[in-house]
Amino acid sequence: MTAPSLPVKLPSRLIVIMGCLSILASAVFFYISTVFIRWADAKVAIDASFFVFFRFMMGFFVISVILILQKKSLKPRRYDLLVGRTVFNCIAVFCFYRAVTATSLAEANILNMTYPIFLAVSSWFLLKEQRDFGTMVMVGVAFTGIWLILSPDTIQPNLQNLWGLASGVSASFAILYLNISRQHHDTETILFYMFGLGSILIFGLFYDRIFWPNTMEFKYLFLCAVFGVGGQYLLTIGFRYVTAVEGAILSSARILMAAVLGPWIALDPPLEVAGWIGAMLIFLANVVLAVRKTGKA
């Protein structure tokens, strides 16, 4: 199915709302995709890199079919932005999926959702108008929350959680590239190059972990990819109508989703008190940063 083009005559507020809903839906899709990785971990032996490769290959197939049906040609204008988006997205997805297999579903999703914080940090360094005391206070609050997630009981952090944190850092750069690239390219062009180049990059790095799957392995790979690609498409569409920081904050609903549903869906141990405090601090910082950003627009 192709995403229908929004009529030009729609009120600007309605268009923004539709963009927000797309990003919120993408959060749900991304979470469900990680659920299938966790369920697969108990049944089959599939490396995280294979899940990433399968997701990118399916995405490339879907976007190619869409382009054929629409009889639409690609219009790349800034290859540096397309490549930058691809590279950082590959890193973010790989680290995220590794975190899902190495830690709990809640911790992986919560730490992946730290990317709005790193967006704010990047903006502080790149944009003078973003250098205000309130933003840095919220960043400090968020980093306190990150530490509580990384090390809820002891001073020594769980190093496996660094995969989740790395996914948040790399995702922030991927979102920056997406937001800038959106000014030069349509959705289909961005996704075609991201999925196509991403498939080549992942296969080149992890070809020894990619194999012909049996029926059960294919089922988990397919379901994870379907929701991952759906989330990617919704996210890319949504960022056409909202800013990078605002869109990142809307995705933060996944923090609460992961904290609440992890024990029920993935049979993970529930977050401890420190973990819940950390999750809420990260969520609070994301929301406050979004409000401050909107107020300055």
C-alpha atoms as a PDB file:
ATOM      1  CA  MET A   1       0.000   0.000   0.000  1.00  0.00           C
ATOM      2  CA  THR A   2       1.128   3.492  -0.670  1.00  0.00           C
ATOM      3  CA  ALA A   3       0.746   6.354   1.744  1.00  0.00           C
ATOM      4  CA  PRO A   4      -1.756   8.826   0.279  1.00  0.00           C
ATOM      5  CA  SER A   5      -0.469  12.313  -0.335  1.00  0.00           C
ATOM      6  CA  LEU A   6      -1.912  14.902   1.997  1.00  0.00           C
ATOM      7  CA  PRO A   7      -4.093  17.452   0.188  1.00  0.00           C
ATOM      8  CA  VAL A   8      -2.524  20.857   0.013  1.00  0.00           C
ATOM      9  CA  LYS A   9      -5.740  22.518   1.234  1.00  0.00           C
ATOM     10  CA  LEU A  10      -5.766  20.754   4.590  1.00  0.00           C
ATOM     11  CA  PRO A  11      -5.427  23.190   7.532  1.00  0.00           C
ATOM     12  CA  SER A  12      -1.847  23.393   8.759  1.00  0.00           C
ATOM     13  CA  ARG A  13      -2.874  22.360  12.271  1.00  0.00           C
ATOM     14  CA  LEU A  14      -4.564  19.205  10.959  1.00  0.00           C
ATOM     15  CA  ILE A  15      -1.485  18.347   8.917  1.00  0.00           C
ATOM     16  CA  VAL A  16       0.699  18.665  12.002  1.00  0.00           C
ATOM     17  CA  ILE A  17      -1.700  16.443  13.967  1.00  0.00           C
ATOM     18  CA  MET A  18      -1.513  13.797  11.237  1.00  0.00           C
ATOM     19  CA  GLY A  19       2.274  13.969  11.390  1.00  0.00           C
ATOM     20  CA  CYS A  20       2.158  13.551  15.158  1.00  0.00           C
ATOM     21  CA  LEU A  21      -0.126  10.525  14.868  1.00  0.00           C
ATOM     22  CA  SER A  22       2.229   8.951  12.336  1.00  0.00           C
ATOM     23  CA  ILE A  23       5.145   9.280  14.734  1.00  0.00           C
ATOM     24  CA  LEU A  24       3.135   7.920  17.663  1.00  0.00           C
ATOM     25  CA  ALA A  25       2.101   4.937  15.533  1.00  0.00           C
ATOM     26  CA  SER A  26       5.737   4.399  14.594  1.00  0.00           C
ATOM     27  CA  ALA A  27       6.586   4.086  18.309  1.00  0.00           C
ATOM     28  CA  VAL A  28       4.057   1.270  18.660  1.00  0.00           C
ATOM     29  CA  PHE A  29       5.382  -0.492  15.560  1.00  0.00           C
ATOM     30  CA  PHE A  30       9.005  -0.232  16.695  1.00  0.00           C
ATOM     31  CA  TYR A  31       8.127  -1.667  20.082  1.00  0.00           C
ATOM     32  CA  ILE A  32       6.252  -4.617  18.590  1.00  0.00           C
ATOM     33  CA  SER A  33       9.202  -5.379  16.294  1.00  0.00           C
ATOM     34  CA  THR A  34      11.449  -5.759  19.349  1.00  0.00           C
ATOM     35  CA  VAL A  35       8.908  -8.033  21.002  1.00  0.00           C
ATOM     36  CA  PHE A  36       9.358 -10.531  18.161  1.00  0.00           C
ATOM     37  CA  ILE A  37      13.139 -10.409  18.617  1.00  0.00           C
ATOM     38  CA  ARG A  38      12.734 -11.257  22.288  1.00  0.00           C
ATOM     39  CA  TRP A  39      10.279 -14.086  21.547  1.00  0.00           C
ATOM     40  CA  ALA A  40      12.616 -15.447  18.866  1.00  0.00           C
ATOM     41  CA  ASP A  41      15.516 -15.486  21.324  1.00  0.00           C
ATOM     42  CA  ALA A  42      13.856 -18.346  23.215  1.00  0.00           C
ATOM     43  CA  LYS A  43      13.060 -20.411  20.113  1.00  0.00           C
ATOM     44  CA  VAL A  44      15.746 -19.920  17.445  1.00  0.00           C
ATOM     45  CA  ALA A  45      19.354 -18.793  17.122  1.00  0.00           C
ATOM     46  CA  ILE A  46      19.344 -15.612  15.052  1.00  0.00           C
ATOM     47  CA  ASP A  47      21.969 -12.904  15.456  1.00  0.00           C
ATOM     48  CA  ALA A  48      20.813  -9.308  15.804  1.00  0.00           C
ATOM     49  CA  SER A  49      22.606  -8.434  12.557  1.00  0.00           C
ATOM     50  CA  PHE A  50      20.371 -10.873  10.644  1.00  0.00           C
ATOM     51  CA  PHE A  51      17.252  -9.146  12.007  1.00  0.00           C
ATOM     52  CA  VAL A  52      18.691  -5.816  10.853  1.00  0.00           C
ATOM     53  CA  PHE A  53      19.576  -7.174   7.397  1.00  0.00           C
ATOM     54  CA  PHE A  54      16.147  -8.754   6.920  1.00  0.00           C
ATOM     55  CA  ARG A  55      14.450  -5.526   7.969  1.00  0.00           C
ATOM     56  CA  PHE A  56      16.431  -3.471   5.468  1.00  0.00           C
ATOM     57  CA  MET A  57      15.920  -6.014   2.672  1.00  0.00           C
ATOM     58  CA  MET A  58      12.154  -6.067   3.247  1.00  0.00           C
ATOM     59  CA  GLY A  59      12.111  -2.293   3.364  1.00  0.00           C
ATOM     60  CA  PHE A  60      13.961  -2.137   0.053  1.00  0.00           C
ATOM     61  CA  PHE A  61      11.477  -4.561  -1.523  1.00  0.00           C
ATOM     62  CA  VAL A  62       8.458  -2.604  -0.233  1.00  0.00           C
ATOM     63  CA  ILE A  63       9.725   0.791  -1.347  1.00  0.00           C
ATOM     64  CA  SER A  64      10.707  -0.609  -4.762  1.00  0.00           C
ATOM     65  CA  VAL A  65       7.172  -1.957  -5.269  1.00  0.00           C
ATOM     66  CA  ILE A  66       5.710   1.403  -4.211  1.00  0.00           C
ATOM     67  CA  LEU A  67       7.909   3.240  -6.712  1.00  0.00           C
ATOM     68  CA  ILE A  68       6.890   0.857  -9.504  1.00  0.00           C
ATOM     69  CA  LEU A  69       3.170   1.149  -8.720  1.00  0.00           C
ATOM     70  CA  GLN A  70       3.395   4.934  -8.523  1.00  0.00           C
ATOM     71  CA  LYS A  71       5.574   5.070 -11.650  1.00  0.00           C
ATOM     72  CA  LYS A  72       7.680   7.483  -9.690  1.00  0.00           C
ATOM     73  CA  SER A  73      11.325   8.261 -10.335  1.00  0.00           C
ATOM     74  CA  LEU A  74      13.894   8.976  -7.660  1.00  0.00           C
ATOM     75  CA  LYS A  75      15.136  12.509  -7.184  1.00  0.00           C
ATOM     76  CA  PRO A  76      18.337  12.412  -5.135  1.00  0.00           C
ATOM     77  CA  ARG A  77      19.838  15.865  -4.630  1.00  0.00           C
ATOM     78  CA  ARG A  78      22.111  15.563  -1.610  1.00  0.00           C
ATOM     79  CA  TYR A  79      23.898  12.216  -1.544  1.00  0.00           C
ATOM     80  CA  ASP A  80      25.805  13.225   1.578  1.00  0.00           C
ATOM     81  CA  LEU A  81      22.531  13.493   3.501  1.00  0.00           C
ATOM     82  CA  LEU A  82      21.212  10.200   2.129  1.00  0.00           C
ATOM     83  CA  VAL A  83      24.425   8.355   3.015  1.00  0.00           C
ATOM     84  CA  GLY A  84      24.635   9.986   6.443  1.00  0.00           C
ATOM     85  CA  ARG A  85      21.051   9.006   7.203  1.00  0.00           C
ATOM     86  CA  THR A  86      21.783   5.427   6.099  1.00  0.00           C
ATOM     87  CA  VAL A  87      24.981   4.969   8.096  1.00  0.00           C
ATOM     88  CA  PHE A  88      23.651   6.327  11.382  1.00  0.00           C
ATOM     89  CA  ASN A  89      20.347   4.499  10.990  1.00  0.00           C
ATOM     90  CA  CYS A  90      22.194   1.210  10.445  1.00  0.00           C
ATOM     91  CA  ILE A  91      24.283   1.790  13.567  1.00  0.00           C
ATOM     92  CA  ALA A  92      21.217   2.766  15.587  1.00  0.00           C
ATOM     93  CA  VAL A  93      19.133  -0.250  14.545  1.00  0.00           C
ATOM     94  CA  PHE A  94      21.997  -2.714  15.034  1.00  0.00           C
ATOM     95  CA  CYS A  95      22.833  -1.397  18.521  1.00  0.00           C
ATOM     96  CA  PHE A  96      19.132  -1.336  19.405  1.00  0.00           C
ATOM     97  CA  TYR A  97      18.564  -4.955  18.362  1.00  0.00           C
ATOM     98  CA  ARG A  98      21.724  -6.038  20.161  1.00  0.00           C
ATOM     99  CA  ALA A  99      20.422  -4.337  23.291  1.00  0.00           C
ATOM    100  CA  VAL A 100      17.120  -6.216  22.984  1.00  0.00           C
ATOM    101  CA  THR A 101      18.938  -9.564  22.942  1.00  0.00           C
ATOM    102  CA  ALA A 102      21.503  -8.635  25.625  1.00  0.00           C
ATOM    103  CA  THR A 103      19.313  -6.775  28.151  1.00  0.00           C
ATOM    104  CA  SER A 104      15.627  -6.464  28.989  1.00  0.00           C
ATOM    105  CA  LEU A 105      13.046  -5.226  26.491  1.00  0.00           C
ATOM    106  CA  ALA A 106      12.259  -2.273  28.741  1.00  0.00           C
ATOM    107  CA  GLU A 107      15.868  -1.176  29.202  1.00  0.00           C
ATOM    108  CA  ALA A 108      16.646  -1.478  25.489  1.00  0.00           C
ATOM    109  CA  ASN A 109      13.634   0.593  24.437  1.00  0.00           C
ATOM    110  CA  ILE A 110      14.068   3.215  27.155  1.00  0.00           C
ATOM    111  CA  LEU A 111      17.757   3.754  26.388  1.00  0.00           C
ATOM    112  CA  ASN A 112      17.028   3.865  22.657  1.00  0.00           C
ATOM    113  CA  MET A 113      14.594   6.676  23.442  1.00  0.00           C
ATOM    114  CA  THR A 114      17.365   8.850  24.853  1.00  0.00           C
ATOM    115  CA  TYR A 115      17.991  10.208  21.370  1.00  0.00           C
ATOM    116  CA  PRO A 116      15.921  13.392  21.976  1.00  0.00           C
ATOM    117  CA  ILE A 117      18.379  14.222  24.755  1.00  0.00           C
ATOM    118  CA  PHE A 118      21.341  13.849  22.444  1.00  0.00           C
ATOM    119  CA  LEU A 119      19.473  15.919  19.852  1.00  0.00           C
ATOM    120  CA  ALA A 120      19.245  18.685  22.436  1.00  0.00           C
ATOM    121  CA  VAL A 121      22.954  18.347  23.224  1.00  0.00           C
ATOM    122  CA  SER A 122      23.817  18.539  19.519  1.00  0.00           C
ATOM    123  CA  SER A 123      21.606  21.613  19.109  1.00  0.00           C
ATOM    124  CA  TRP A 124      23.357  23.245  22.064  1.00  0.00           C
ATOM    125  CA  PHE A 125      26.724  22.877  20.344  1.00  0.00           C
ATOM    126  CA  LEU A 126      25.547  23.712  16.818  1.00  0.00           C
ATOM    127  CA  LEU A 127      23.002  26.487  17.461  1.00  0.00           C
ATOM    128  CA  LYS A 128      23.778  29.462  19.691  1.00  0.00           C
ATOM    129  CA  GLU A 129      20.083  30.204  20.255  1.00  0.00           C
ATOM    130  CA  GLN A 130      19.696  26.784  21.877  1.00  0.00           C
ATOM    131  CA  ARG A 131      22.299  27.503  24.558  1.00  0.00           C
ATOM    132  CA  ASP A 132      20.073  28.276  27.513  1.00  0.00           C
ATOM    133  CA  PHE A 133      20.267  27.203  31.124  1.00  0.00           C
ATOM    134  CA  GLY A 134      16.887  25.427  31.170  1.00  0.00           C
ATOM    135  CA  THR A 135      17.867  23.064  28.362  1.00  0.00           C
ATOM    136  CA  MET A 136      21.051  22.067  30.137  1.00  0.00           C
ATOM    137  CA  VAL A 137      19.120  21.439  33.366  1.00  0.00           C
ATOM    138  CA  MET A 138      16.802  19.050  31.519  1.00  0.00           C
ATOM    139  CA  VAL A 139      19.772  17.331  29.911  1.00  0.00           C
ATOM    140  CA  GLY A 140      21.231  16.876  33.392  1.00  0.00           C
ATOM    141  CA  VAL A 141      17.925  15.411  34.603  1.00  0.00           C
ATOM    142  CA  ALA A 142      17.900  13.023  31.657  1.00  0.00           C
ATOM    143  CA  PHE A 143      21.464  11.884  32.272  1.00  0.00           C
ATOM    144  CA  THR A 144      20.540  11.184  35.877  1.00  0.00           C
ATOM    145  CA  GLY A 145      17.759   8.985  34.549  1.00  0.00           C
ATOM    146  CA  ILE A 146      20.155   7.285  32.146  1.00  0.00           C
ATOM    147  CA  TRP A 147      22.513   6.462  35.009  1.00  0.00           C
ATOM    148  CA  LEU A 148      19.679   4.983  37.044  1.00  0.00           C
ATOM    149  CA  ILE A 149      18.811   2.722  34.103  1.00  0.00           C
ATOM    150  CA  LEU A 150      22.430   1.734  33.508  1.00  0.00           C
ATOM    151  CA  SER A 151      23.259   1.100  37.148  1.00  0.00           C
ATOM    152  CA  PRO A 152      20.141   0.733  39.344  1.00  0.00           C
ATOM    153  CA  ASP A 153      21.808  -1.078  42.255  1.00  0.00           C
ATOM    154  CA  THR A 154      25.558  -0.547  42.147  1.00  0.00           C
ATOM    155  CA  ILE A 155      28.133   2.017  41.096  1.00  0.00           C
ATOM    156  CA  GLN A 156      29.357  -0.403  38.423  1.00  0.00           C
ATOM    157  CA  PRO A 157      27.005  -0.127  35.402  1.00  0.00           C
ATOM    158  CA  ASN A 158      25.751  -3.050  33.352  1.00  0.00           C
ATOM    159  CA  LEU A 159      27.976  -2.736  30.292  1.00  0.00           C
ATOM    160  CA  GLN A 160      25.460  -4.594  28.118  1.00  0.00           C
ATOM    161  CA  ASN A 161      23.167  -1.587  28.497  1.00  0.00           C
ATOM    162  CA  LEU A 162      25.726   0.476  26.603  1.00  0.00           C
ATOM    163  CA  TRP A 163      24.285  -1.089  23.435  1.00  0.00           C
ATOM    164  CA  GLY A 164      20.996   0.646  24.193  1.00  0.00           C
ATOM    165  CA  LEU A 165      22.726   3.925  24.969  1.00  0.00           C
ATOM    166  CA  ALA A 166      24.764   3.696  21.752  1.00  0.00           C
ATOM    167  CA  SER A 167      21.538   3.217  19.807  1.00  0.00           C
ATOM    168  CA  GLY A 168      20.180   6.427  21.333  1.00  0.00           C
ATOM    169  CA  VAL A 169      23.299   8.421  20.437  1.00  0.00           C
ATOM    170  CA  SER A 170      23.442   7.155  16.848  1.00  0.00           C
ATOM    171  CA  ALA A 171      19.668   7.546  16.397  1.00  0.00           C
ATOM    172  CA  SER A 172      19.959  11.230  17.299  1.00  0.00           C
ATOM    173  CA  PHE A 173      22.321  11.761  14.370  1.00  0.00           C
ATOM    174  CA  ALA A 174      20.061   9.660  12.120  1.00  0.00           C
ATOM    175  CA  ILE A 175      17.105  11.898  13.032  1.00  0.00           C
ATOM    176  CA  LEU A 176      19.118  15.049  12.363  1.00  0.00           C
ATOM    177  CA  TYR A 177      20.041  13.728   8.921  1.00  0.00           C
ATOM    178  CA  LEU A 178      16.424  12.733   8.297  1.00  0.00           C
ATOM    179  CA  ASN A 179      15.082  16.151   9.236  1.00  0.00           C
ATOM    180  CA  ILE A 180      17.584  17.968   7.003  1.00  0.00           C
ATOM    181  CA  SER A 181      17.220  15.470   4.166  1.00  0.00           C
ATOM    182  CA  ARG A 182      13.441  15.947   4.294  1.00  0.00           C
ATOM    183  CA  GLN A 183      14.032  19.491   3.008  1.00  0.00           C
ATOM    184  CA  HIS A 184      15.604  18.135  -0.182  1.00  0.00           C
ATOM    185  CA  HIS A 185      14.000  14.727  -0.807  1.00  0.00           C
ATOM    186  CA  ASP A 186      10.616  13.049  -0.766  1.00  0.00           C
ATOM    187  CA  THR A 187       9.826  10.082   1.481  1.00  0.00           C
ATOM    188  CA  GLU A 188      10.356   7.460  -1.208  1.00  0.00           C
ATOM    189  CA  THR A 189      13.817   8.714  -2.162  1.00  0.00           C
ATOM    190  CA  ILE A 190      14.997   8.739   1.456  1.00  0.00           C
ATOM    191  CA  LEU A 191      13.678   5.252   2.170  1.00  0.00           C
ATOM    192  CA  PHE A 192      14.929   3.750  -1.105  1.00  0.00           C
ATOM    193  CA  TYR A 193      18.513   4.808  -0.462  1.00  0.00           C
ATOM    194  CA  MET A 194      18.381   4.057   3.245  1.00  0.00           C
ATOM    195  CA  PHE A 195      17.050   0.519   2.807  1.00  0.00           C
ATOM    196  CA  GLY A 196      19.122  -0.233  -0.296  1.00  0.00           C
ATOM    197  CA  LEU A 197      22.455   1.101   0.955  1.00  0.00           C
ATOM    198  CA  GLY A 198      21.680  -0.212   4.438  1.00  0.00           C
ATOM    199  CA  SER A 199      21.198  -3.770   3.135  1.00  0.00           C
ATOM    200  CA  ILE A 200      24.533  -3.647   1.345  1.00  0.00           C
ATOM    201  CA  LEU A 201      26.319  -2.218   4.380  1.00  0.00           C
ATOM    202  CA  ILE A 202      24.916  -4.742   6.859  1.00  0.00           C
ATOM    203  CA  PHE A 203      25.549  -7.702   4.549  1.00  0.00           C
ATOM    204  CA  GLY A 204      29.112  -6.564   3.939  1.00  0.00           C
ATOM    205  CA  LEU A 205      29.812  -6.356   7.653  1.00  0.00           C
ATOM    206  CA  PHE A 206      27.921  -9.459   8.855  1.00  0.00           C
ATOM    207  CA  TYR A 207      27.655 -11.813   5.869  1.00  0.00           C
ATOM    208  CA  ASP A 208      28.920 -14.733   7.975  1.00  0.00           C
ATOM    209  CA  ARG A 209      25.865 -14.441  10.286  1.00  0.00           C
ATOM    210  CA  ILE A 210      23.292 -14.367   7.489  1.00  0.00           C
ATOM    211  CA  PHE A 211      21.895 -17.672   6.227  1.00  0.00           C
ATOM    212  CA  TRP A 212      18.854 -19.239   4.544  1.00  0.00           C
ATOM    213  CA  PRO A 213      16.261 -19.446   7.365  1.00  0.00           C
ATOM    214  CA  ASN A 214      13.928 -22.348   8.091  1.00  0.00           C
ATOM    215  CA  THR A 215      10.182 -21.826   8.538  1.00  0.00           C
ATOM    216  CA  MET A 216      10.273 -20.780  12.190  1.00  0.00           C
ATOM    217  CA  GLU A 217      13.302 -18.525  11.727  1.00  0.00           C
ATOM    218  CA  PHE A 218      11.652 -16.894   8.719  1.00  0.00           C
ATOM    219  CA  LYS A 219       8.477 -16.246  10.737  1.00  0.00           C
ATOM    220  CA  TYR A 220      10.298 -14.234  13.387  1.00  0.00           C
ATOM    221  CA  LEU A 221      12.489 -12.437  10.863  1.00  0.00           C
ATOM    222  CA  PHE A 222       9.435 -11.559   8.764  1.00  0.00           C
ATOM    223  CA  LEU A 223       7.254 -10.303  11.639  1.00  0.00           C
ATOM    224  CA  CYS A 224      10.064  -8.235  13.118  1.00  0.00           C
ATOM    225  CA  ALA A 225      10.795  -6.719   9.705  1.00  0.00           C
ATOM    226  CA  VAL A 226       7.132  -5.959   8.919  1.00  0.00           C
ATOM    227  CA  PHE A 227       6.691  -3.863  12.042  1.00  0.00           C
ATOM    228  CA  GLY A 228      10.168  -2.366  11.785  1.00  0.00           C
ATOM    229  CA  VAL A 229       9.613  -1.242   8.190  1.00  0.00           C
ATOM    230  CA  GLY A 230       6.123   0.007   9.022  1.00  0.00           C
ATOM    231  CA  GLY A 231       7.534   2.035  11.894  1.00  0.00           C
ATOM    232  CA  GLN A 232      10.303   3.422   9.679  1.00  0.00           C
ATOM    233  CA  TYR A 233       7.838   4.499   7.011  1.00  0.00           C
ATOM    234  CA  LEU A 234       5.501   6.141   9.532  1.00  0.00           C
ATOM    235  CA  LEU A 235       8.433   7.917  11.178  1.00  0.00           C
ATOM    236  CA  THR A 236       9.724   9.266   7.872  1.00  0.00           C
ATOM    237  CA  ILE A 237       6.270  10.509   6.879  1.00  0.00           C
ATOM    238  CA  GLY A 238       5.692  12.078  10.287  1.00  0.00           C
ATOM    239  CA  PHE A 239       8.930  14.037  10.223  1.00  0.00           C
ATOM    240  CA  ARG A 240       7.699  15.784   7.112  1.00  0.00           C
ATOM    241  CA  TYR A 241       5.275  17.751   9.274  1.00  0.00           C
ATOM    242  CA  VAL A 242       7.068  18.200  12.611  1.00  0.00           C
ATOM    243  CA  THR A 243      10.516  19.328  13.687  1.00  0.00           C
ATOM    244  CA  ALA A 244      13.307  16.921  14.633  1.00  0.00           C
ATOM    245  CA  VAL A 245      13.066  17.593  18.367  1.00  0.00           C
ATOM    246  CA  GLU A 246       9.261  17.606  18.467  1.00  0.00           C
ATOM    247  CA  GLY A 247       9.092  14.345  16.545  1.00  0.00           C
ATOM    248  CA  ALA A 248      11.628  12.750  18.831  1.00  0.00           C
ATOM    249  CA  ILE A 249       9.578  13.697  21.864  1.00  0.00           C
ATOM    250  CA  LEU A 250       6.389  12.201  20.408  1.00  0.00           C
ATOM    251  CA  SER A 251       8.226   8.926  20.030  1.00  0.00           C
ATOM    252  CA  SER A 252       8.920   8.990  23.762  1.00  0.00           C
ATOM    253  CA  ALA A 253       5.614   7.253  24.404  1.00  0.00           C
ATOM    254  CA  ARG A 254       7.652   4.094  23.823  1.00  0.00           C
ATOM    255  CA  ILE A 255       9.387   4.701  27.180  1.00  0.00           C
ATOM    256  CA  LEU A 256       6.147   4.217  29.114  1.00  0.00           C
ATOM    257  CA  MET A 257       5.029   1.433  26.801  1.00  0.00           C
ATOM    258  CA  ALA A 258       8.244  -0.500  27.366  1.00  0.00           C
ATOM    259  CA  ALA A 259       8.274   0.047  31.139  1.00  0.00           C
ATOM    260  CA  VAL A 260       4.689  -1.145  31.577  1.00  0.00           C
ATOM    261  CA  LEU A 261       4.429  -3.955  29.020  1.00  0.00           C
ATOM    262  CA  GLY A 262       7.875  -5.583  29.299  1.00  0.00           C
ATOM    263  CA  PRO A 263       7.020  -7.998  32.136  1.00  0.00           C
ATOM    264  CA  TRP A 264       3.680  -8.919  30.543  1.00  0.00           C
ATOM    265  CA  ILE A 265       4.751  -9.384  26.921  1.00  0.00           C
ATOM    266  CA  ALA A 266       8.403 -10.443  27.136  1.00  0.00           C
ATOM    267  CA  LEU A 267       8.325 -11.978  30.637  1.00  0.00           C
ATOM    268  CA  ASP A 268      11.176  -9.669  31.606  1.00  0.00           C
ATOM    269  CA  PRO A 269      11.710  -8.855  35.269  1.00  0.00           C
ATOM    270  CA  PRO A 270       9.863  -5.619  36.114  1.00  0.00           C
ATOM    271  CA  LEU A 271      11.887  -2.456  36.444  1.00  0.00           C
ATOM    272  CA  GLU A 272      13.150  -1.785  39.942  1.00  0.00           C
ATOM    273  CA  VAL A 273      12.363   1.461  41.703  1.00  0.00           C
ATOM    274  CA  ALA A 274      15.560   3.091  40.434  1.00  0.00           C
ATOM    275  CA  GLY A 275      14.740   1.951  36.906  1.00  0.00           C
ATOM    276  CA  TRP A 276      11.238   3.434  37.082  1.00  0.00           C
ATOM    277  CA  ILE A 277      12.631   6.718  38.404  1.00  0.00           C
ATOM    278  CA  GLY A 278      15.189   6.732  35.603  1.00  0.00           C
ATOM    279  CA  ALA A 279      12.533   6.060  32.961  1.00  0.00           C
ATOM    280  CA  MET A 280      10.301   8.839  34.283  1.00  0.00           C
ATOM    281  CA  LEU A 281      13.196  11.308  34.435  1.00  0.00           C
ATOM    282  CA  ILE A 282      14.065  10.586  30.802  1.00  0.00           C
ATOM    283  CA  PHE A 283      10.416  10.917  29.768  1.00  0.00           C
ATOM    284  CA  LEU A 284      10.026  14.151  31.753  1.00  0.00           C
ATOM    285  CA  ALA A 285      13.160  15.645  30.215  1.00  0.00           C
ATOM    286  CA  ASN A 286      11.961  14.738  26.713  1.00  0.00           C
ATOM    287  CA  VAL A 287       8.574  16.353  27.266  1.00  0.00           C
ATOM    288  CA  VAL A 288       9.977  19.534  28.818  1.00  0.00           C
ATOM    289  CA  LEU A 289      12.509  19.906  26.018  1.00  0.00           C
ATOM    290  CA  ALA A 290       9.701  19.526  23.473  1.00  0.00           C
ATOM    291  CA  VAL A 291       7.598  22.212  25.176  1.00  0.00           C
ATOM    292  CA  ARG A 292      10.571  24.584  25.392  1.00  0.00           C
ATOM    293  CA  LYS A 293      11.414  23.981  21.751  1.00  0.00           C
ATOM    294  CA  THR A 294       7.822  24.621  20.677  1.00  0.00           C
ATOM    295  CA  GLY A 295       7.683  27.790  22.732  1.00  0.00           C
ATOM    296  CA  LYS A 296      10.749  29.156  20.928  1.00  0.00           C
ATOM    297  CA  ALA A 297       9.444  28.317  17.448  1.00  0.00           C
END
